[in-house]
Amino acid sequence: MSSIAGTVHVWEKVEITLIAERSYANPYTDVEVWVDLRGPDFAKRVYGFWDGGNTFRVRVLATTPGEWSWVSGSNHSDGGLNGQIGGFYAVAWS
């Protein structure tokens, strides 16, 4: 699965939703999710949170205009949480 958010403004929140394929006894404490975010002169791991059921979310933003991409990961072998990809294009505010 991939997710392309389209065009957003710099410093505007982009919310990435990941749906786990498995259920976990305590997803709040047992599951770590993240995306490796890349953009112009930028590369960071951004951690997310459990949002109920099998839903996890990661919130990111672009710090500069340009093309941004992400790849998801987690501390579990779960196809819904690992290896998802997406991206967006950030533009300056006018």
PDB file of N, CA and C in Angstrom:
ATOM      1  N   MET A   1       0.843  -1.187   0.000  1.00  0.00           N
ATOM      2  CA  MET A   1       0.000   0.000   0.000  1.00  0.00           C
ATOM      3  C   MET A   1       0.875   1.232   0.000  1.00  0.00           C
ATOM      4  N   SER A   2       0.482   2.237  -0.697  1.00  0.00           N
ATOM      5  CA  SER A   2       1.193   3.505  -0.655  1.00  0.00           C
ATOM      6  C   SER A   2       0.191   4.618  -0.445  1.00  0.00           C
ATOM      7  N   SER A   3       0.695   5.736   0.017  1.00  0.00           N
ATOM      8  CA  SER A   3      -0.174   6.867   0.288  1.00  0.00           C
ATOM      9  C   SER A   3       0.508   8.136  -0.189  1.00  0.00           C
ATOM     10  N   ILE A   4      -0.119   8.805  -1.128  1.00  0.00           N
ATOM     11  CA  ILE A   4       0.404  10.064  -1.622  1.00  0.00           C
ATOM     12  C   ILE A   4      -0.556  11.155  -1.166  1.00  0.00           C
ATOM     13  N   ALA A   5      -0.055  12.067  -0.346  1.00  0.00           N
ATOM     14  CA  ALA A   5      -0.905  13.096   0.236  1.00  0.00           C
ATOM     15  C   ALA A   5      -1.126  14.272  -0.708  1.00  0.00           C
ATOM     16  N   GLY A   6      -0.402  14.342  -1.830  1.00  0.00           N
ATOM     17  CA  GLY A   6      -0.566  15.460  -2.741  1.00  0.00           C
ATOM     18  C   GLY A   6       0.306  16.626  -2.322  1.00  0.00           C
ATOM     19  N   THR A   7      -0.224  17.831  -2.482  1.00  0.00           N
ATOM     20  CA  THR A   7       0.532  19.037  -2.161  1.00  0.00           C
ATOM     21  C   THR A   7       0.061  19.600  -0.830  1.00  0.00           C
ATOM     22  N   VAL A   8       1.022  19.955   0.013  1.00  0.00           N
ATOM     23  CA  VAL A   8       0.747  20.574   1.310  1.00  0.00           C
ATOM     24  C   VAL A   8       1.663  21.783   1.458  1.00  0.00           C
ATOM     25  N   HIS A   9       1.390  22.607   2.443  1.00  0.00           N
ATOM     26  CA  HIS A   9       2.266  23.737   2.734  1.00  0.00           C
ATOM     27  C   HIS A   9       3.369  23.323   3.701  1.00  0.00           C
ATOM     28  N   VAL A  10       4.476  24.013   3.637  1.00  0.00           N
ATOM     29  CA  VAL A  10       5.547  23.833   4.615  1.00  0.00           C
ATOM     30  C   VAL A  10       4.961  24.081   6.005  1.00  0.00           C
ATOM     31  N   TRP A  11       5.332  23.254   6.967  1.00  0.00           N
ATOM     32  CA  TRP A  11       4.889  23.297   8.364  1.00  0.00           C
ATOM     33  C   TRP A  11       3.432  22.868   8.542  1.00  0.00           C
ATOM     34  N   GLU A  12       2.784  22.363   7.494  1.00  0.00           N
ATOM     35  CA  GLU A  12       1.418  21.860   7.615  1.00  0.00           C
ATOM     36  C   GLU A  12       1.460  20.369   7.953  1.00  0.00           C
ATOM     37  N   LYS A  13       0.678  19.957   8.942  1.00  0.00           N
ATOM     38  CA  LYS A  13       0.681  18.565   9.413  1.00  0.00           C
ATOM     39  C   LYS A  13       0.183  17.610   8.336  1.00  0.00           C
ATOM     40  N   VAL A  14       0.907  16.504   8.182  1.00  0.00           N
ATOM     41  CA  VAL A  14       0.483  15.393   7.333  1.00  0.00           C
ATOM     42  C   VAL A  14       0.332  14.194   8.256  1.00  0.00           C
ATOM     43  N   GLU A  15      -0.842  13.597   8.278  1.00  0.00           N
ATOM     44  CA  GLU A  15      -1.087  12.443   9.149  1.00  0.00           C
ATOM     45  C   GLU A  15      -1.077  11.165   8.324  1.00  0.00           C
ATOM     46  N   ILE A  16      -0.212  10.242   8.711  1.00  0.00           N
ATOM     47  CA  ILE A  16      -0.062   8.955   8.042  1.00  0.00           C
ATOM     48  C   ILE A  16      -0.781   7.912   8.886  1.00  0.00           C
ATOM     49  N   THR A  17      -1.678   7.165   8.273  1.00  0.00           N
ATOM     50  CA  THR A  17      -2.434   6.125   8.977  1.00  0.00           C
ATOM     51  C   THR A  17      -1.928   4.758   8.546  1.00  0.00           C
ATOM     52  N   LEU A  18      -1.596   3.931   9.523  1.00  0.00           N
ATOM     53  CA  LEU A  18      -1.157   2.559   9.288  1.00  0.00           C
ATOM     54  C   LEU A  18      -2.141   1.624   9.985  1.00  0.00           C
ATOM     55  N   ILE A  19      -2.562   0.581   9.292  1.00  0.00           N
ATOM     56  CA  ILE A  19      -3.507  -0.385   9.858  1.00  0.00           C
ATOM     57  C   ILE A  19      -2.779  -1.716  10.037  1.00  0.00           C
ATOM     58  N   ALA A  20      -2.633  -2.141  11.287  1.00  0.00           N
ATOM     59  CA  ALA A  20      -1.955  -3.406  11.587  1.00  0.00           C
ATOM     60  C   ALA A  20      -2.759  -4.576  11.046  1.00  0.00           C
ATOM     61  N   GLU A  21      -2.062  -5.581  10.521  1.00  0.00           N
ATOM     62  CA  GLU A  21      -2.713  -6.807  10.072  1.00  0.00           C
ATOM     63  C   GLU A  21      -3.017  -7.737  11.232  1.00  0.00           C
ATOM     64  N   ARG A  22      -2.267  -7.610  12.319  1.00  0.00           N
ATOM     65  CA  ARG A  22      -2.441  -8.459  13.499  1.00  0.00           C
ATOM     66  C   ARG A  22      -3.050  -7.645  14.635  1.00  0.00           C
ATOM     67  N   SER A  23      -3.588  -8.356  15.617  1.00  0.00           N
ATOM     68  CA  SER A  23      -4.059  -7.710  16.845  1.00  0.00           C
ATOM     69  C   SER A  23      -3.013  -7.925  17.920  1.00  0.00           C
ATOM     70  N   TYR A  24      -2.906  -6.981  18.827  1.00  0.00           N
ATOM     71  CA  TYR A  24      -1.906  -7.040  19.895  1.00  0.00           C
ATOM     72  C   TYR A  24      -2.590  -6.900  21.244  1.00  0.00           C
ATOM     73  N   ALA A  25      -2.106  -7.650  22.237  1.00  0.00           N
ATOM     74  CA  ALA A  25      -2.705  -7.645  23.573  1.00  0.00           C
ATOM     75  C   ALA A  25      -2.710  -6.237  24.158  1.00  0.00           C
ATOM     76  N   ASN A  26      -1.600  -5.519  24.013  1.00  0.00           N
ATOM     77  CA  ASN A  26      -1.513  -4.149  24.512  1.00  0.00           C
ATOM     78  C   ASN A  26      -0.756  -3.299  23.495  1.00  0.00           C
ATOM     79  N   PRO A  27      -1.425  -2.850  22.444  1.00  0.00           N
ATOM     80  CA  PRO A  27      -0.728  -2.108  21.397  1.00  0.00           C
ATOM     81  C   PRO A  27      -0.112  -0.796  21.884  1.00  0.00           C
ATOM     82  N   TYR A  28      -0.677  -0.223  22.941  1.00  0.00           N
ATOM     83  CA  TYR A  28      -0.146   1.041  23.478  1.00  0.00           C
ATOM     84  C   TYR A  28       1.296   0.895  23.965  1.00  0.00           C
ATOM     85  N   THR A  29       1.588  -0.234  24.613  1.00  0.00           N
ATOM     86  CA  THR A  29       2.939  -0.420  25.158  1.00  0.00           C
ATOM     87  C   THR A  29       3.796  -1.391  24.354  1.00  0.00           C
ATOM     88  N   ASP A  30       3.173  -2.293  23.601  1.00  0.00           N
ATOM     89  CA  ASP A  30       3.931  -3.354  22.932  1.00  0.00           C
ATOM     90  C   ASP A  30       4.361  -3.037  21.506  1.00  0.00           C
ATOM     91  N   VAL A  31       3.737  -2.041  20.882  1.00  0.00           N
ATOM     92  CA  VAL A  31       4.015  -1.775  19.471  1.00  0.00           C
ATOM     93  C   VAL A  31       4.619  -0.391  19.300  1.00  0.00           C
ATOM     94  N   GLU A  32       5.770  -0.350  18.639  1.00  0.00           N
ATOM     95  CA  GLU A  32       6.371   0.927  18.221  1.00  0.00           C
ATOM     96  C   GLU A  32       6.207   1.024  16.711  1.00  0.00           C
ATOM     97  N   VAL A  33       5.737   2.164  16.241  1.00  0.00           N
ATOM     98  CA  VAL A  33       5.643   2.413  14.802  1.00  0.00           C
ATOM     99  C   VAL A  33       6.383   3.690  14.481  1.00  0.00           C
ATOM    100  N   TRP A  34       6.868   3.764  13.247  1.00  0.00           N
ATOM    101  CA  TRP A  34       7.594   4.962  12.812  1.00  0.00           C
ATOM    102  C   TRP A  34       7.555   5.055  11.299  1.00  0.00           C
ATOM    103  N   VAL A  35       7.954   6.221  10.814  1.00  0.00           N
ATOM    104  CA  VAL A  35       8.260   6.379   9.398  1.00  0.00           C
ATOM    105  C   VAL A  35       9.639   7.014   9.306  1.00  0.00           C
ATOM    106  N   ASP A  36      10.385   6.591   8.313  1.00  0.00           N
ATOM    107  CA  ASP A  36      11.648   7.236   7.984  1.00  0.00           C
ATOM    108  C   ASP A  36      11.308   8.272   6.925  1.00  0.00           C
ATOM    109  N   LEU A  37      11.360   9.538   7.338  1.00  0.00           N
ATOM    110  CA  LEU A  37      10.957  10.662   6.499  1.00  0.00           C
ATOM    111  C   LEU A  37      12.174  11.263   5.821  1.00  0.00           C
ATOM    112  N   ARG A  38      12.065  11.486   4.514  1.00  0.00           N
ATOM    113  CA  ARG A  38      13.146  12.091   3.737  1.00  0.00           C
ATOM    114  C   ARG A  38      12.601  13.251   2.921  1.00  0.00           C
ATOM    115  N   GLY A  39      13.392  14.317   2.900  1.00  0.00           N
ATOM    116  CA  GLY A  39      13.061  15.495   2.106  1.00  0.00           C
ATOM    117  C   GLY A  39      14.340  16.220   1.747  1.00  0.00           C
ATOM    118  N   PRO A  40      14.220  17.411   1.184  1.00  0.00           N
ATOM    119  CA  PRO A  40      15.419  18.178   0.813  1.00  0.00           C
ATOM    120  C   PRO A  40      16.321  18.418   2.030  1.00  0.00           C
ATOM    121  N   ASP A  41      17.530  17.871   1.985  1.00  0.00           N
ATOM    122  CA  ASP A  41      18.503  18.005   3.080  1.00  0.00           C
ATOM    123  C   ASP A  41      17.932  17.583   4.430  1.00  0.00           C
ATOM    124  N   PHE A  42      17.103  16.526   4.433  1.00  0.00           N
ATOM    125  CA  PHE A  42      16.432  16.088   5.662  1.00  0.00           C
ATOM    126  C   PHE A  42      16.248  14.581   5.636  1.00  0.00           C
ATOM    127  N   ALA A  43      16.562  13.928   6.744  1.00  0.00           N
ATOM    128  CA  ALA A  43      16.318  12.497   6.917  1.00  0.00           C
ATOM    129  C   ALA A  43      16.196  12.214   8.408  1.00  0.00           C
ATOM    130  N   LYS A  44      14.998  11.869   8.857  1.00  0.00           N
ATOM    131  CA  LYS A  44      14.753  11.600  10.281  1.00  0.00           C
ATOM    132  C   LYS A  44      13.752  10.466  10.435  1.00  0.00           C
ATOM    133  N   ARG A  45      13.852   9.761  11.548  1.00  0.00           N
ATOM    134  CA  ARG A  45      12.849   8.775  11.941  1.00  0.00           C
ATOM    135  C   ARG A  45      11.847   9.487  12.842  1.00  0.00           C
ATOM    136  N   VAL A  46      10.573   9.349  12.508  1.00  0.00           N
ATOM    137  CA  VAL A  46       9.502   9.994  13.265  1.00  0.00           C
ATOM    138  C   VAL A  46       8.596   8.893  13.818  1.00  0.00           C
ATOM    139  N   TYR A  47       8.422   8.869  15.133  1.00  0.00           N
ATOM    140  CA  TYR A  47       7.626   7.833  15.778  1.00  0.00           C
ATOM    141  C   TYR A  47       6.157   8.229  15.844  1.00  0.00           C
ATOM    142  N   GLY A  48       5.303   7.210  15.824  1.00  0.00           N
ATOM    143  CA  GLY A  48       3.873   7.431  15.851  1.00  0.00           C
ATOM    144  C   GLY A  48       3.238   6.888  17.111  1.00  0.00           C
ATOM    145  N   PHE A  49       1.921   6.705  17.063  1.00  0.00           N
ATOM    146  CA  PHE A  49       1.175   6.291  18.251  1.00  0.00           C
ATOM    147  C   PHE A  49       0.007   5.402  17.851  1.00  0.00           C
ATOM    148  N   TRP A  50      -0.463   4.630  18.815  1.00  0.00           N
ATOM    149  CA  TRP A  50      -1.642   3.779  18.646  1.00  0.00           C
ATOM    150  C   TRP A  50      -2.877   4.657  18.789  1.00  0.00           C
ATOM    151  N   ASP A  51      -3.861   4.463  17.908  1.00  0.00           N
ATOM    152  CA  ASP A  51      -5.058   5.296  17.923  1.00  0.00           C
ATOM    153  C   ASP A  51      -6.330   4.447  18.037  1.00  0.00           C
ATOM    154  N   GLY A  52      -6.223   3.299  18.686  1.00  0.00           N
ATOM    155  CA  GLY A  52      -7.380   2.438  18.913  1.00  0.00           C
ATOM    156  C   GLY A  52      -7.492   1.338  17.867  1.00  0.00           C
ATOM    157  N   GLY A  53      -7.991   0.193  18.293  1.00  0.00           N
ATOM    158  CA  GLY A  53      -8.141  -0.941  17.386  1.00  0.00           C
ATOM    159  C   GLY A  53      -6.810  -1.337  16.781  1.00  0.00           C
ATOM    160  N   ASN A  54      -6.764  -1.468  15.465  1.00  0.00           N
ATOM    161  CA  ASN A  54      -5.523  -1.809  14.759  1.00  0.00           C
ATOM    162  C   ASN A  54      -4.921  -0.593  14.071  1.00  0.00           C
ATOM    163  N   THR A  55      -5.354   0.609  14.461  1.00  0.00           N
ATOM    164  CA  THR A  55      -4.925   1.843  13.797  1.00  0.00           C
ATOM    165  C   THR A  55      -3.775   2.510  14.539  1.00  0.00           C
ATOM    166  N   PHE A  56      -2.759   2.852  13.764  1.00  0.00           N
ATOM    167  CA  PHE A  56      -1.616   3.605  14.272  1.00  0.00           C
ATOM    168  C   PHE A  56      -1.449   4.830  13.382  1.00  0.00           C
ATOM    169  N   ARG A  57      -0.961   5.924  13.957  1.00  0.00           N
ATOM    170  CA  ARG A  57      -0.790   7.159  13.193  1.00  0.00           C
ATOM    171  C   ARG A  57       0.591   7.754  13.454  1.00  0.00           C
ATOM    172  N   VAL A  58       1.115   8.381  12.417  1.00  0.00           N
ATOM    173  CA  VAL A  58       2.371   9.124  12.518  1.00  0.00           C
ATOM    174  C   VAL A  58       2.110  10.488  11.911  1.00  0.00           C
ATOM    175  N   ARG A  59       2.471  11.546  12.615  1.00  0.00           N
ATOM    176  CA  ARG A  59       2.274  12.908  12.116  1.00  0.00           C
ATOM    177  C   ARG A  59       3.626  13.519  11.769  1.00  0.00           C
ATOM    178  N   VAL A  60       3.707  14.017  10.546  1.00  0.00           N
ATOM    179  CA  VAL A  60       4.949  14.599  10.052  1.00  0.00           C
ATOM    180  C   VAL A  60       4.648  15.950   9.422  1.00  0.00           C
ATOM    181  N   LEU A  61       5.706  16.689   9.099  1.00  0.00           N
ATOM    182  CA  LEU A  61       5.568  17.936   8.365  1.00  0.00           C
ATOM    183  C   LEU A  61       6.846  18.206   7.602  1.00  0.00           C
ATOM    184  N   ALA A  62       6.712  18.999   6.574  1.00  0.00           N
ATOM    185  CA  ALA A  62       7.870  19.399   5.774  1.00  0.00           C
ATOM    186  C   ALA A  62       8.440  20.689   6.345  1.00  0.00           C
ATOM    187  N   THR A  63       9.741  20.745   6.451  1.00  0.00           N
ATOM    188  CA  THR A  63      10.396  21.954   6.957  1.00  0.00           C
ATOM    189  C   THR A  63      10.838  22.888   5.842  1.00  0.00           C
ATOM    190  N   THR A  64      10.877  22.365   4.615  1.00  0.00           N
ATOM    191  CA  THR A  64      11.256  23.172   3.456  1.00  0.00           C
ATOM    192  C   THR A  64      10.424  22.725   2.251  1.00  0.00           C
ATOM    193  N   PRO A  65      10.266  23.585   1.263  1.00  0.00           N
ATOM    194  CA  PRO A  65       9.550  23.181   0.056  1.00  0.00           C
ATOM    195  C   PRO A  65      10.292  22.064  -0.665  1.00  0.00           C
ATOM    196  N   GLY A  66       9.535  21.238  -1.381  1.00  0.00           N
ATOM    197  CA  GLY A  66      10.144  20.187  -2.175  1.00  0.00           C
ATOM    198  C   GLY A  66       9.412  18.872  -2.024  1.00  0.00           C
ATOM    199  N   GLU A  67      10.023  17.830  -2.580  1.00  0.00           N
ATOM    200  CA  GLU A  67       9.437  16.493  -2.558  1.00  0.00           C
ATOM    201  C   GLU A  67       9.851  15.757  -1.289  1.00  0.00           C
ATOM    202  N   TRP A  68       8.872  15.128  -0.634  1.00  0.00           N
ATOM    203  CA  TRP A  68       9.084  14.396   0.614  1.00  0.00           C
ATOM    204  C   TRP A  68       8.553  12.980   0.451  1.00  0.00           C
ATOM    205  N   SER A  69       9.238  12.017   1.073  1.00  0.00           N
ATOM    206  CA  SER A  69       8.799  10.626   1.005  1.00  0.00           C
ATOM    207  C   SER A  69       9.005   9.964   2.356  1.00  0.00           C
ATOM    208  N   TRP A  70       8.286   8.864   2.573  1.00  0.00           N
ATOM    209  CA  TRP A  70       8.416   8.122   3.827  1.00  0.00           C
ATOM    210  C   TRP A  70       8.247   6.636   3.576  1.00  0.00           C
ATOM    211  N   VAL A  71       8.852   5.861   4.494  1.00  0.00           N
ATOM    212  CA  VAL A  71       8.716   4.404   4.527  1.00  0.00           C
ATOM    213  C   VAL A  71       8.440   4.035   5.978  1.00  0.00           C
ATOM    214  N   SER A  72       7.430   3.187   6.213  1.00  0.00           N
ATOM    215  CA  SER A  72       7.054   2.837   7.584  1.00  0.00           C
ATOM    216  C   SER A  72       7.833   1.637   8.108  1.00  0.00           C
ATOM    217  N   GLY A  73       7.856   1.535   9.433  1.00  0.00           N
ATOM    218  CA  GLY A  73       8.481   0.411  10.103  1.00  0.00           C
ATOM    219  C   GLY A  73       7.879   0.224  11.481  1.00  0.00           C
ATOM    220  N   SER A  74       8.162  -0.915  12.090  1.00  0.00           N
ATOM    221  CA  SER A  74       7.698  -1.180  13.451  1.00  0.00           C
ATOM    222  C   SER A  74       8.587  -2.235  14.093  1.00  0.00           C
ATOM    223  N   ASN A  75       8.368  -2.448  15.382  1.00  0.00           N
ATOM    224  CA  ASN A  75       9.132  -3.459  16.112  1.00  0.00           C
ATOM    225  C   ASN A  75       8.489  -4.841  16.023  1.00  0.00           C
ATOM    226  N   HIS A  76       7.492  -5.015  15.162  1.00  0.00           N
ATOM    227  CA  HIS A  76       6.833  -6.303  14.930  1.00  0.00           C
ATOM    228  C   HIS A  76       6.854  -6.624  13.442  1.00  0.00           C
ATOM    229  N   SER A  77       6.792  -7.905  13.139  1.00  0.00           N
ATOM    230  CA  SER A  77       6.715  -8.346  11.747  1.00  0.00           C
ATOM    231  C   SER A  77       5.247  -8.288  11.328  1.00  0.00           C
ATOM    232  N   ASP A  78       4.819  -7.128  10.868  1.00  0.00           N
ATOM    233  CA  ASP A  78       3.419  -6.888  10.528  1.00  0.00           C
ATOM    234  C   ASP A  78       3.380  -6.122   9.207  1.00  0.00           C
ATOM    235  N   GLY A  79       2.827  -6.756   8.184  1.00  0.00           N
ATOM    236  CA  GLY A  79       2.793  -6.153   6.862  1.00  0.00           C
ATOM    237  C   GLY A  79       2.022  -4.851   6.785  1.00  0.00           C
ATOM    238  N   GLY A  80       1.100  -4.625   7.702  1.00  0.00           N
ATOM    239  CA  GLY A  80       0.360  -3.368   7.720  1.00  0.00           C
ATOM    240  C   GLY A  80       1.148  -2.216   8.307  1.00  0.00           C
ATOM    241  N   LEU A  81       2.185  -2.542   9.085  1.00  0.00           N
ATOM    242  CA  LEU A  81       2.981  -1.508   9.744  1.00  0.00           C
ATOM    243  C   LEU A  81       4.357  -1.320   9.123  1.00  0.00           C
ATOM    244  N   ASN A  82       4.851  -2.334   8.447  1.00  0.00           N
ATOM    245  CA  ASN A  82       6.206  -2.285   7.881  1.00  0.00           C
ATOM    246  C   ASN A  82       6.162  -2.165   6.366  1.00  0.00           C
ATOM    247  N   GLY A  83       7.051  -1.347   5.840  1.00  0.00           N
ATOM    248  CA  GLY A  83       7.229  -1.272   4.396  1.00  0.00           C
ATOM    249  C   GLY A  83       6.163  -0.523   3.626  1.00  0.00           C
ATOM    250  N   GLN A  84       5.280   0.166   4.320  1.00  0.00           N
ATOM    251  CA  GLN A  84       4.323   1.022   3.622  1.00  0.00           C
ATOM    252  C   GLN A  84       5.093   2.256   3.131  1.00  0.00           C
ATOM    253  N   ILE A  85       4.700   2.796   1.999  1.00  0.00           N
ATOM    254  CA  ILE A  85       5.419   3.951   1.446  1.00  0.00           C
ATOM    255  C   ILE A  85       4.434   5.044   1.079  1.00  0.00           C
ATOM    256  N   GLY A  86       4.934   6.255   1.034  1.00  0.00           N
ATOM    257  CA  GLY A  86       4.110   7.386   0.640  1.00  0.00           C
ATOM    258  C   GLY A  86       4.944   8.627   0.457  1.00  0.00           C
ATOM    259  N   GLY A  87       4.277   9.705   0.150  1.00  0.00           N
ATOM    260  CA  GLY A  87       4.992  10.941  -0.047  1.00  0.00           C
ATOM    261  C   GLY A  87       4.045  12.096  -0.280  1.00  0.00           C
ATOM    262  N   PHE A  88       4.635  13.262  -0.388  1.00  0.00           N
ATOM    263  CA  PHE A  88       3.865  14.488  -0.642  1.00  0.00           C
ATOM    264  C   PHE A  88       4.837  15.544  -1.155  1.00  0.00           C
ATOM    265  N   TYR A  89       4.286  16.589  -1.697  1.00  0.00           N
ATOM    266  CA  TYR A  89       5.081  17.713  -2.193  1.00  0.00           C
ATOM    267  C   TYR A  89       4.719  18.933  -1.358  1.00  0.00           C
ATOM    268  N   ALA A  90       5.723  19.608  -0.808  1.00  0.00           N
ATOM    269  CA  ALA A  90       5.509  20.772   0.033  1.00  0.00           C
ATOM    270  C   ALA A  90       5.821  22.054  -0.729  1.00  0.00           C
ATOM    271  N   VAL A  91       4.955  23.044  -0.572  1.00  0.00           N
ATOM    272  CA  VAL A  91       5.151  24.351  -1.189  1.00  0.00           C
ATOM    273  C   VAL A  91       5.172  25.428  -0.108  1.00  0.00           C
ATOM    274  N   ALA A  92       5.816  26.521  -0.405  1.00  0.00           N
ATOM    275  CA  ALA A  92       5.868  27.646   0.538  1.00  0.00           C
ATOM    276  C   ALA A  92       4.507  28.310   0.629  1.00  0.00           C
ATOM    277  N   TRP A  93       4.235  28.935   1.758  1.00  0.00           N
ATOM    278  CA  TRP A  93       3.016  29.713   1.914  1.00  0.00           C
ATOM    279  C   TRP A  93       3.129  30.976   1.065  1.00  0.00           C
ATOM    280  N   SER A  94       2.036  31.422   0.495  1.00  0.00           N
ATOM    281  CA  SER A  94       2.093  32.647  -0.334  1.00  0.00           C
ATOM    282  C   SER A  94       1.357  33.769   0.351  1.00  0.00           C
TER     283      SER A  94
END
